[in-house]
Amino acid sequence: MVHLHQADKFMTPTLLNTRPKHQAWCLNQALLEAGFASLDCPSLQIQTQALEHCPQWDDYDVWVFVSRNAVKHFAQQLPNKSARFNAALVAVGDATAQAIQQQGWPNLAPVPNTFDSEGMLNLAVFAQPKGLRVAIVRGDGGREYLAQSLIEQGAQVDFLEVYRRQAAPFCQTAWQTFKQAQTPVLLFTSVSSLDVFSAQLAAQNPDHQAWCFRQTLIVFSQRIQNAARKIGFSGPILVTPTSSDGAIVETLQRYARSLGESHE
């Protein structure tokens, strides 16, 4: 972990944490321990979406969980939480893998080197997709590339949508404080969060959106980076190596270090 010199403190970034409220606390604690300020500004609310019928684990050969929320909201609907099964579990990202391990579910495949659909398709569990039964556990909507690629290669793919996203009320107080920060940085962990926040900000004040578009972002993937550029973000965009809280903190530390070096 990179540490800041005392002389760099005046350039210490302040992070606008746009994660849903229930996911923000752990990151805020990690930031505080690392010497960073953070402000909660959830752009989305996550609610359970009930499945009409919750399948059994062995109804599928492979289960893909796209996020920690997918794990949490599926687990809430699972009738037999202690069942053993032969199906393989795939996690999109380290944080999702950790959530699966906390549930005690077996047969977790190695986490892919990259968290995009291309990286997922390189996993050994998808080496022979013909006839493979795959469940993708996710929220309402999402990327289709993984499913389309598997279907084209002969797999049977079903989506299990176990939660839905809704826009959270705009964080007016946190935003006003954030605008006064000397080194503001925004965190976006999904394209949905980015889109909702940008739309809310434009509705509040187009001048504030224009200011926001010039600031530094931390994002989880190239996909989110591309989406940010497409809607007008022109400032630095830092992509974390993984989706963990530790990766966010370390990315912020490297950014703070680069600011200090540029002023030496």
C-alpha atoms as a PDB file:
ATOM      1  CA  MET A   1       0.000   0.000   0.000  1.00  0.00           C
ATOM      2  CA  VAL A   2       1.393   3.413  -0.998  1.00  0.00           C
ATOM      3  CA  HIS A   3       1.663   5.987   1.808  1.00  0.00           C
ATOM      4  CA  LEU A   4       1.524   9.759   1.461  1.00  0.00           C
ATOM      5  CA  HIS A   5       4.269  12.094   2.632  1.00  0.00           C
ATOM      6  CA  GLN A   6       3.108  14.691   5.117  1.00  0.00           C
ATOM      7  CA  ALA A   7       3.855  17.393   2.529  1.00  0.00           C
ATOM      8  CA  ASP A   8       1.275  15.829   0.209  1.00  0.00           C
ATOM      9  CA  LYS A   9      -1.608  16.207   2.659  1.00  0.00           C
ATOM     10  CA  PHE A  10      -2.882  19.443   1.137  1.00  0.00           C
ATOM     11  CA  MET A  11      -3.585  17.527  -2.079  1.00  0.00           C
ATOM     12  CA  THR A  12      -5.342  14.589  -0.401  1.00  0.00           C
ATOM     13  CA  PRO A  13      -8.351  13.674  -2.582  1.00  0.00           C
ATOM     14  CA  THR A  14     -11.924  13.664  -1.312  1.00  0.00           C
ATOM     15  CA  LEU A  15     -13.953  10.782  -2.758  1.00  0.00           C
ATOM     16  CA  LEU A  16     -17.637  11.053  -3.611  1.00  0.00           C
ATOM     17  CA  ASN A  17     -18.856   7.529  -2.830  1.00  0.00           C
ATOM     18  CA  THR A  18     -21.835   6.865  -5.124  1.00  0.00           C
ATOM     19  CA  ARG A  19     -22.317   3.262  -4.037  1.00  0.00           C
ATOM     20  CA  PRO A  20     -25.724   2.213  -2.680  1.00  0.00           C
ATOM     21  CA  LYS A  21     -26.071   3.143   0.973  1.00  0.00           C
ATOM     22  CA  HIS A  22     -25.783  -0.406   2.313  1.00  0.00           C
ATOM     23  CA  GLN A  23     -22.493  -0.935   0.471  1.00  0.00           C
ATOM     24  CA  ALA A  24     -20.802   2.356   1.336  1.00  0.00           C
ATOM     25  CA  TRP A  25     -19.769   1.839   4.961  1.00  0.00           C
ATOM     26  CA  CYS A  26     -16.882  -0.618   4.505  1.00  0.00           C
ATOM     27  CA  LEU A  27     -15.280   1.514   1.803  1.00  0.00           C
ATOM     28  CA  ASN A  28     -15.676   4.660   3.883  1.00  0.00           C
ATOM     29  CA  GLN A  29     -13.907   2.965   6.803  1.00  0.00           C
ATOM     30  CA  ALA A  30     -11.046   1.831   4.567  1.00  0.00           C
ATOM     31  CA  LEU A  31     -10.690   5.354   3.169  1.00  0.00           C
ATOM     32  CA  LEU A  32     -10.696   6.860   6.646  1.00  0.00           C
ATOM     33  CA  GLU A  33      -7.962   4.467   7.792  1.00  0.00           C
ATOM     34  CA  ALA A  34      -5.891   5.461   4.747  1.00  0.00           C
ATOM     35  CA  GLY A  35      -6.268   9.167   5.541  1.00  0.00           C
ATOM     36  CA  PHE A  36      -8.846  10.090   2.909  1.00  0.00           C
ATOM     37  CA  ALA A  37     -12.139  11.937   3.256  1.00  0.00           C
ATOM     38  CA  SER A  38     -15.277  10.499   1.669  1.00  0.00           C
ATOM     39  CA  LEU A  39     -18.814  11.722   1.181  1.00  0.00           C
ATOM     40  CA  ASP A  40     -21.812   9.413   0.719  1.00  0.00           C
ATOM     41  CA  CYS A  41     -23.827  10.163  -2.390  1.00  0.00           C
ATOM     42  CA  PRO A  42     -25.693   6.974  -3.403  1.00  0.00           C
ATOM     43  CA  SER A  43     -27.054   7.251  -6.916  1.00  0.00           C
ATOM     44  CA  LEU A  44     -28.951   3.939  -6.790  1.00  0.00           C
ATOM     45  CA  GLN A  45     -31.166   2.032  -4.382  1.00  0.00           C
ATOM     46  CA  ILE A  46     -31.152  -1.752  -4.593  1.00  0.00           C
ATOM     47  CA  GLN A  47     -34.293  -3.768  -3.839  1.00  0.00           C
ATOM     48  CA  THR A  48     -34.950  -7.506  -3.969  1.00  0.00           C
ATOM     49  CA  GLN A  49     -36.879  -8.691  -7.010  1.00  0.00           C
ATOM     50  CA  ALA A  50     -38.682 -11.932  -6.237  1.00  0.00           C
ATOM     51  CA  LEU A  51     -38.210 -14.890  -8.554  1.00  0.00           C
ATOM     52  CA  GLU A  52     -41.407 -16.614  -9.667  1.00  0.00           C
ATOM     53  CA  HIS A  53     -39.669 -19.926  -9.074  1.00  0.00           C
ATOM     54  CA  CYS A  54     -36.297 -20.421  -7.413  1.00  0.00           C
ATOM     55  CA  PRO A  55     -34.476 -23.242  -9.210  1.00  0.00           C
ATOM     56  CA  GLN A  56     -32.370 -25.938  -7.574  1.00  0.00           C
ATOM     57  CA  TRP A  57     -28.593 -25.680  -7.822  1.00  0.00           C
ATOM     58  CA  ASP A  58     -28.265 -28.754 -10.039  1.00  0.00           C
ATOM     59  CA  ASP A  59     -30.792 -27.412 -12.541  1.00  0.00           C
ATOM     60  CA  TYR A  60     -27.738 -25.739 -14.118  1.00  0.00           C
ATOM     61  CA  ASP A  61     -24.138 -26.739 -14.766  1.00  0.00           C
ATOM     62  CA  VAL A  62     -22.746 -23.230 -14.199  1.00  0.00           C
ATOM     63  CA  TRP A  63     -24.033 -20.312 -12.144  1.00  0.00           C
ATOM     64  CA  VAL A  64     -22.653 -16.846 -12.931  1.00  0.00           C
ATOM     65  CA  PHE A  65     -23.041 -14.181 -10.234  1.00  0.00           C
ATOM     66  CA  VAL A  66     -22.444 -10.709 -11.625  1.00  0.00           C
ATOM     67  CA  SER A  67     -22.107  -8.800  -8.327  1.00  0.00           C
ATOM     68  CA  ARG A  68     -22.291  -8.947  -4.546  1.00  0.00           C
ATOM     69  CA  ASN A  69     -25.890  -7.786  -4.835  1.00  0.00           C
ATOM     70  CA  ALA A  70     -26.638 -10.790  -7.037  1.00  0.00           C
ATOM     71  CA  VAL A  71     -25.265 -13.111  -4.349  1.00  0.00           C
ATOM     72  CA  LYS A  72     -27.091 -11.359  -1.511  1.00  0.00           C
ATOM     73  CA  HIS A  73     -30.507 -11.139  -3.144  1.00  0.00           C
ATOM     74  CA  PHE A  74     -30.344 -14.693  -4.524  1.00  0.00           C
ATOM     75  CA  ALA A  75     -29.354 -16.054  -1.121  1.00  0.00           C
ATOM     76  CA  GLN A  76     -32.392 -14.370   0.427  1.00  0.00           C
ATOM     77  CA  GLN A  77     -34.642 -16.422  -1.864  1.00  0.00           C
ATOM     78  CA  LEU A  78     -32.791 -19.725  -1.662  1.00  0.00           C
ATOM     79  CA  PRO A  79     -35.068 -22.344  -0.035  1.00  0.00           C
ATOM     80  CA  ASN A  80     -32.314 -24.754   1.029  1.00  0.00           C
ATOM     81  CA  LYS A  81     -29.237 -22.765   2.000  1.00  0.00           C
ATOM     82  CA  SER A  82     -27.173 -25.771   3.109  1.00  0.00           C
ATOM     83  CA  ALA A  83     -27.696 -27.973   0.036  1.00  0.00           C
ATOM     84  CA  ARG A  84     -24.668 -29.589  -1.608  1.00  0.00           C
ATOM     85  CA  PHE A  85     -24.455 -29.573  -5.378  1.00  0.00           C
ATOM     86  CA  ASN A  86     -22.218 -30.314  -8.352  1.00  0.00           C
ATOM     87  CA  ALA A  87     -22.722 -27.102 -10.329  1.00  0.00           C
ATOM     88  CA  ALA A  88     -19.784 -24.684 -10.738  1.00  0.00           C
ATOM     89  CA  LEU A  89     -20.090 -21.108  -9.487  1.00  0.00           C
ATOM     90  CA  VAL A  90     -18.499 -18.188 -11.320  1.00  0.00           C
ATOM     91  CA  ALA A  91     -17.979 -14.765  -9.738  1.00  0.00           C
ATOM     92  CA  VAL A  92     -17.538 -11.528 -11.662  1.00  0.00           C
ATOM     93  CA  GLY A  93     -14.849  -9.874  -9.557  1.00  0.00           C
ATOM     94  CA  ASP A  94     -13.088 -10.487  -6.266  1.00  0.00           C
ATOM     95  CA  ALA A  95     -15.804  -8.840  -4.153  1.00  0.00           C
ATOM     96  CA  THR A  96     -18.435 -11.158  -5.655  1.00  0.00           C
ATOM     97  CA  ALA A  97     -16.196 -14.175  -5.025  1.00  0.00           C
ATOM     98  CA  GLN A  98     -15.812 -13.099  -1.400  1.00  0.00           C
ATOM     99  CA  ALA A  99     -19.593 -12.794  -1.045  1.00  0.00           C
ATOM    100  CA  ILE A 100     -19.996 -16.352  -2.388  1.00  0.00           C
ATOM    101  CA  GLN A 101     -17.380 -17.665   0.038  1.00  0.00           C
ATOM    102  CA  GLN A 102     -19.156 -15.941   2.931  1.00  0.00           C
ATOM    103  CA  GLN A 103     -22.312 -17.844   1.997  1.00  0.00           C
ATOM    104  CA  GLY A 104     -20.373 -21.099   2.250  1.00  0.00           C
ATOM    105  CA  TRP A 105     -21.310 -22.213  -1.257  1.00  0.00           C
ATOM    106  CA  PRO A 106     -18.856 -24.731  -2.779  1.00  0.00           C
ATOM    107  CA  ASN A 107     -17.390 -25.219  -6.254  1.00  0.00           C
ATOM    108  CA  LEU A 108     -16.285 -21.617  -6.848  1.00  0.00           C
ATOM    109  CA  ALA A 109     -14.284 -21.343 -10.076  1.00  0.00           C
ATOM    110  CA  PRO A 110     -11.092 -19.226 -10.155  1.00  0.00           C
ATOM    111  CA  VAL A 111     -11.831 -15.538 -10.588  1.00  0.00           C
ATOM    112  CA  PRO A 112     -11.037 -14.464 -14.176  1.00  0.00           C
ATOM    113  CA  ASN A 113      -8.108 -12.122 -14.828  1.00  0.00           C
ATOM    114  CA  THR A 114     -10.474  -9.580 -16.375  1.00  0.00           C
ATOM    115  CA  PHE A 115     -14.059  -9.006 -15.309  1.00  0.00           C
ATOM    116  CA  ASP A 116     -15.499  -8.349 -18.749  1.00  0.00           C
ATOM    117  CA  SER A 117     -17.416 -10.919 -20.776  1.00  0.00           C
ATOM    118  CA  GLU A 118     -14.348 -11.805 -22.818  1.00  0.00           C
ATOM    119  CA  GLY A 119     -12.418 -12.690 -19.683  1.00  0.00           C
ATOM    120  CA  MET A 120     -15.310 -14.805 -18.424  1.00  0.00           C
ATOM    121  CA  LEU A 121     -15.460 -16.826 -21.647  1.00  0.00           C
ATOM    122  CA  ASN A 122     -11.820 -17.871 -21.162  1.00  0.00           C
ATOM    123  CA  LEU A 123     -12.670 -19.731 -17.959  1.00  0.00           C
ATOM    124  CA  ALA A 124     -12.256 -23.512 -18.005  1.00  0.00           C
ATOM    125  CA  VAL A 125     -15.928 -24.051 -17.092  1.00  0.00           C
ATOM    126  CA  PHE A 126     -16.873 -22.594 -20.489  1.00  0.00           C
ATOM    127  CA  ALA A 127     -14.314 -24.600 -22.503  1.00  0.00           C
ATOM    128  CA  GLN A 128     -17.058 -26.847 -23.945  1.00  0.00           C
ATOM    129  CA  PRO A 129     -20.187 -24.691 -24.057  1.00  0.00           C
ATOM    130  CA  LYS A 130     -22.314 -26.924 -26.282  1.00  0.00           C
ATOM    131  CA  GLY A 131     -25.191 -28.260 -24.206  1.00  0.00           C
ATOM    132  CA  LEU A 132     -24.016 -26.416 -21.088  1.00  0.00           C
ATOM    133  CA  ARG A 133     -26.813 -25.148 -18.828  1.00  0.00           C
ATOM    134  CA  VAL A 134     -25.921 -21.689 -17.518  1.00  0.00           C
ATOM    135  CA  ALA A 135     -27.756 -19.424 -15.069  1.00  0.00           C
ATOM    136  CA  ILE A 136     -26.726 -15.752 -14.960  1.00  0.00           C
ATOM    137  CA  VAL A 137     -27.819 -14.175 -11.665  1.00  0.00           C
ATOM    138  CA  ARG A 138     -28.083 -10.408 -11.957  1.00  0.00           C
ATOM    139  CA  GLY A 139     -30.237  -7.318 -11.507  1.00  0.00           C
ATOM    140  CA  ASP A 140     -32.867  -6.048 -13.907  1.00  0.00           C
ATOM    141  CA  GLY A 141     -31.149  -5.568 -17.237  1.00  0.00           C
ATOM    142  CA  GLY A 142     -27.433  -5.790 -17.843  1.00  0.00           C
ATOM    143  CA  ARG A 143     -24.901  -6.891 -20.384  1.00  0.00           C
ATOM    144  CA  GLU A 144     -25.951  -9.537 -22.873  1.00  0.00           C
ATOM    145  CA  TYR A 145     -22.624 -10.335 -24.552  1.00  0.00           C
ATOM    146  CA  LEU A 146     -21.693 -13.299 -22.337  1.00  0.00           C
ATOM    147  CA  ALA A 147     -25.112 -14.906 -22.779  1.00  0.00           C
ATOM    148  CA  GLN A 148     -25.192 -14.277 -26.516  1.00  0.00           C
ATOM    149  CA  SER A 149     -21.724 -15.752 -26.989  1.00  0.00           C
ATOM    150  CA  LEU A 150     -22.579 -18.872 -25.006  1.00  0.00           C
ATOM    151  CA  ILE A 151     -25.902 -19.357 -26.820  1.00  0.00           C
ATOM    152  CA  GLU A 152     -24.151 -19.034 -30.191  1.00  0.00           C
ATOM    153  CA  GLN A 153     -21.849 -21.857 -29.087  1.00  0.00           C
ATOM    154  CA  GLY A 154     -24.725 -24.132 -28.136  1.00  0.00           C
ATOM    155  CA  ALA A 155     -25.275 -23.382 -24.438  1.00  0.00           C
ATOM    156  CA  GLN A 156     -28.664 -22.956 -22.745  1.00  0.00           C
ATOM    157  CA  VAL A 157     -28.671 -19.649 -20.824  1.00  0.00           C
ATOM    158  CA  ASP A 158     -31.278 -18.309 -18.407  1.00  0.00           C
ATOM    159  CA  PHE A 159     -31.264 -14.958 -16.607  1.00  0.00           C
ATOM    160  CA  LEU A 160     -32.340 -14.889 -12.968  1.00  0.00           C
ATOM    161  CA  GLU A 161     -33.003 -11.234 -12.101  1.00  0.00           C
ATOM    162  CA  VAL A 162     -32.996 -11.070  -8.300  1.00  0.00           C
ATOM    163  CA  TYR A 163     -32.783  -7.336  -7.669  1.00  0.00           C
ATOM    164  CA  ARG A 164     -33.767  -4.071  -9.283  1.00  0.00           C
ATOM    165  CA  ARG A 165     -32.103  -0.691  -9.318  1.00  0.00           C
ATOM    166  CA  GLN A 166     -33.906   2.560  -8.642  1.00  0.00           C
ATOM    167  CA  ALA A 167     -32.595   6.096  -8.577  1.00  0.00           C
ATOM    168  CA  ALA A 168     -31.849   7.308  -5.055  1.00  0.00           C
ATOM    169  CA  PRO A 169     -32.774  10.870  -4.036  1.00  0.00           C
ATOM    170  CA  PHE A 170     -30.051  13.269  -5.093  1.00  0.00           C
ATOM    171  CA  CYS A 171     -27.499  13.931  -2.328  1.00  0.00           C
ATOM    172  CA  GLN A 172     -27.803  17.710  -2.290  1.00  0.00           C
ATOM    173  CA  THR A 173     -25.880  18.331   0.969  1.00  0.00           C
ATOM    174  CA  ALA A 174     -23.008  15.965   0.140  1.00  0.00           C
ATOM    175  CA  TRP A 175     -22.732  17.430  -3.348  1.00  0.00           C
ATOM    176  CA  GLN A 176     -22.433  21.007  -2.079  1.00  0.00           C
ATOM    177  CA  THR A 177     -19.659  19.933   0.287  1.00  0.00           C
ATOM    178  CA  PHE A 178     -17.935  17.942  -2.441  1.00  0.00           C
ATOM    179  CA  LYS A 179     -17.850  20.938  -4.781  1.00  0.00           C
ATOM    180  CA  GLN A 180     -15.708  22.761  -2.215  1.00  0.00           C
ATOM    181  CA  ALA A 181     -13.125  19.959  -2.005  1.00  0.00           C
ATOM    182  CA  GLN A 182      -9.625  20.895  -3.141  1.00  0.00           C
ATOM    183  CA  THR A 183      -9.067  17.590  -4.930  1.00  0.00           C
ATOM    184  CA  PRO A 184     -12.447  16.043  -5.789  1.00  0.00           C
ATOM    185  CA  VAL A 185     -12.685  12.469  -7.129  1.00  0.00           C
ATOM    186  CA  LEU A 186     -15.890  10.606  -8.037  1.00  0.00           C
ATOM    187  CA  LEU A 187     -16.388   6.836  -7.781  1.00  0.00           C
ATOM    188  CA  PHE A 188     -18.672   4.943 -10.176  1.00  0.00           C
ATOM    189  CA  THR A 189     -18.937   1.166  -9.913  1.00  0.00           C
ATOM    190  CA  SER A 190     -21.490   0.595 -12.684  1.00  0.00           C
ATOM    191  CA  VAL A 191     -22.761   2.228 -15.851  1.00  0.00           C
ATOM    192  CA  SER A 192     -26.221   2.455 -14.262  1.00  0.00           C
ATOM    193  CA  SER A 193     -24.852   4.474 -11.355  1.00  0.00           C
ATOM    194  CA  LEU A 194     -22.961   6.758 -13.735  1.00  0.00           C
ATOM    195  CA  ASP A 195     -26.008   7.380 -15.940  1.00  0.00           C
ATOM    196  CA  VAL A 196     -28.377   8.077 -13.051  1.00  0.00           C
ATOM    197  CA  PHE A 197     -25.983  10.445 -11.300  1.00  0.00           C
ATOM    198  CA  SER A 198     -25.231  12.393 -14.476  1.00  0.00           C
ATOM    199  CA  ALA A 199     -28.918  12.760 -15.319  1.00  0.00           C
ATOM    200  CA  GLN A 200     -29.772  13.898 -11.786  1.00  0.00           C
ATOM    201  CA  LEU A 201     -26.964  16.434 -11.795  1.00  0.00           C
ATOM    202  CA  ALA A 202     -28.072  17.860 -15.146  1.00  0.00           C
ATOM    203  CA  ALA A 203     -31.586  18.239 -13.772  1.00  0.00           C
ATOM    204  CA  GLN A 204     -30.232  20.011 -10.677  1.00  0.00           C
ATOM    205  CA  ASN A 205     -27.906  22.426 -12.463  1.00  0.00           C
ATOM    206  CA  PRO A 206     -26.311  22.065 -15.925  1.00  0.00           C
ATOM    207  CA  ASP A 207     -23.346  24.183 -14.767  1.00  0.00           C
ATOM    208  CA  HIS A 208     -22.676  21.680 -11.994  1.00  0.00           C
ATOM    209  CA  GLN A 209     -22.739  18.855 -14.531  1.00  0.00           C
ATOM    210  CA  ALA A 210     -20.226  20.729 -16.699  1.00  0.00           C
ATOM    211  CA  TRP A 211     -17.941  21.139 -13.663  1.00  0.00           C
ATOM    212  CA  CYS A 212     -18.368  17.465 -12.773  1.00  0.00           C
ATOM    213  CA  PHE A 213     -17.394  16.353 -16.266  1.00  0.00           C
ATOM    214  CA  ARG A 214     -13.935  17.905 -15.750  1.00  0.00           C
ATOM    215  CA  GLN A 215     -13.173  16.038 -12.511  1.00  0.00           C
ATOM    216  CA  THR A 216     -11.267  12.808 -11.889  1.00  0.00           C
ATOM    217  CA  LEU A 217     -13.166   9.506 -11.814  1.00  0.00           C
ATOM    218  CA  ILE A 218     -12.402   6.093 -10.367  1.00  0.00           C
ATOM    219  CA  VAL A 219     -14.261   3.262 -12.121  1.00  0.00           C
ATOM    220  CA  PHE A 220     -14.262  -0.537 -12.075  1.00  0.00           C
ATOM    221  CA  SER A 221     -13.879  -1.285 -15.775  1.00  0.00           C
ATOM    222  CA  GLN A 222     -13.009  -0.109 -19.261  1.00  0.00           C
ATOM    223  CA  ARG A 223     -16.712  -0.380 -20.061  1.00  0.00           C
ATOM    224  CA  ILE A 224     -17.593   2.227 -17.422  1.00  0.00           C
ATOM    225  CA  GLN A 225     -14.696   4.387 -18.587  1.00  0.00           C
ATOM    226  CA  ASN A 226     -15.985   4.271 -22.170  1.00  0.00           C
ATOM    227  CA  ALA A 227     -19.513   5.141 -21.019  1.00  0.00           C
ATOM    228  CA  ALA A 228     -18.180   8.125 -19.052  1.00  0.00           C
ATOM    229  CA  ARG A 229     -16.297   9.436 -22.062  1.00  0.00           C
ATOM    230  CA  LYS A 230     -19.364   8.970 -24.251  1.00  0.00           C
ATOM    231  CA  ILE A 231     -21.549  11.195 -22.078  1.00  0.00           C
ATOM    232  CA  GLY A 232     -18.915  13.908 -21.752  1.00  0.00           C
ATOM    233  CA  PHE A 233     -16.422  13.233 -18.935  1.00  0.00           C
ATOM    234  CA  SER A 234     -13.108  14.743 -20.044  1.00  0.00           C
ATOM    235  CA  GLY A 235     -10.987  14.547 -16.864  1.00  0.00           C
ATOM    236  CA  PRO A 236      -8.700  11.700 -15.792  1.00  0.00           C
ATOM    237  CA  ILE A 237     -10.424   8.319 -15.436  1.00  0.00           C
ATOM    238  CA  LEU A 238      -8.666   5.739 -13.272  1.00  0.00           C
ATOM    239  CA  VAL A 239      -9.635   2.069 -13.707  1.00  0.00           C
ATOM    240  CA  THR A 240      -9.141  -0.131 -10.638  1.00  0.00           C
ATOM    241  CA  PRO A 241      -7.368  -3.490 -11.125  1.00  0.00           C
ATOM    242  CA  THR A 242     -10.141  -5.297  -9.197  1.00  0.00           C
ATOM    243  CA  SER A 243     -13.550  -4.431  -7.746  1.00  0.00           C
ATOM    244  CA  SER A 244     -12.487  -4.590  -4.091  1.00  0.00           C
ATOM    245  CA  ASP A 245     -12.487  -1.765  -1.555  1.00  0.00           C
ATOM    246  CA  GLY A 246      -8.732  -2.215  -1.228  1.00  0.00           C
ATOM    247  CA  ALA A 247      -8.266  -1.641  -4.956  1.00  0.00           C
ATOM    248  CA  ILE A 248     -10.246   1.606  -4.740  1.00  0.00           C
ATOM    249  CA  VAL A 249      -8.106   2.833  -1.838  1.00  0.00           C
ATOM    250  CA  GLU A 250      -4.867   1.890  -3.588  1.00  0.00           C
ATOM    251  CA  THR A 251      -5.974   3.592  -6.814  1.00  0.00           C
ATOM    252  CA  LEU A 252      -6.735   6.748  -4.846  1.00  0.00           C
ATOM    253  CA  GLN A 253      -3.350   6.525  -3.123  1.00  0.00           C
ATOM    254  CA  ARG A 254      -1.523   6.234  -6.447  1.00  0.00           C
ATOM    255  CA  TYR A 255      -3.448   9.227  -7.740  1.00  0.00           C
ATOM    256  CA  ALA A 256      -2.550  11.256  -4.641  1.00  0.00           C
ATOM    257  CA  ARG A 257       1.090  10.225  -5.059  1.00  0.00           C
ATOM    258  CA  SER A 258       1.074  11.352  -8.691  1.00  0.00           C
ATOM    259  CA  LEU A 259      -0.271  14.747  -7.623  1.00  0.00           C
ATOM    260  CA  GLY A 260       2.512  15.095  -5.076  1.00  0.00           C
ATOM    261  CA  GLU A 261       5.187  14.151  -7.609  1.00  0.00           C
ATOM    262  CA  SER A 262       3.881  16.661 -10.131  1.00  0.00           C
ATOM    263  CA  HIS A 263       4.382  19.445  -7.565  1.00  0.00           C
ATOM    264  CA  GLU A 264       7.905  18.479  -6.516  1.00  0.00           C
END
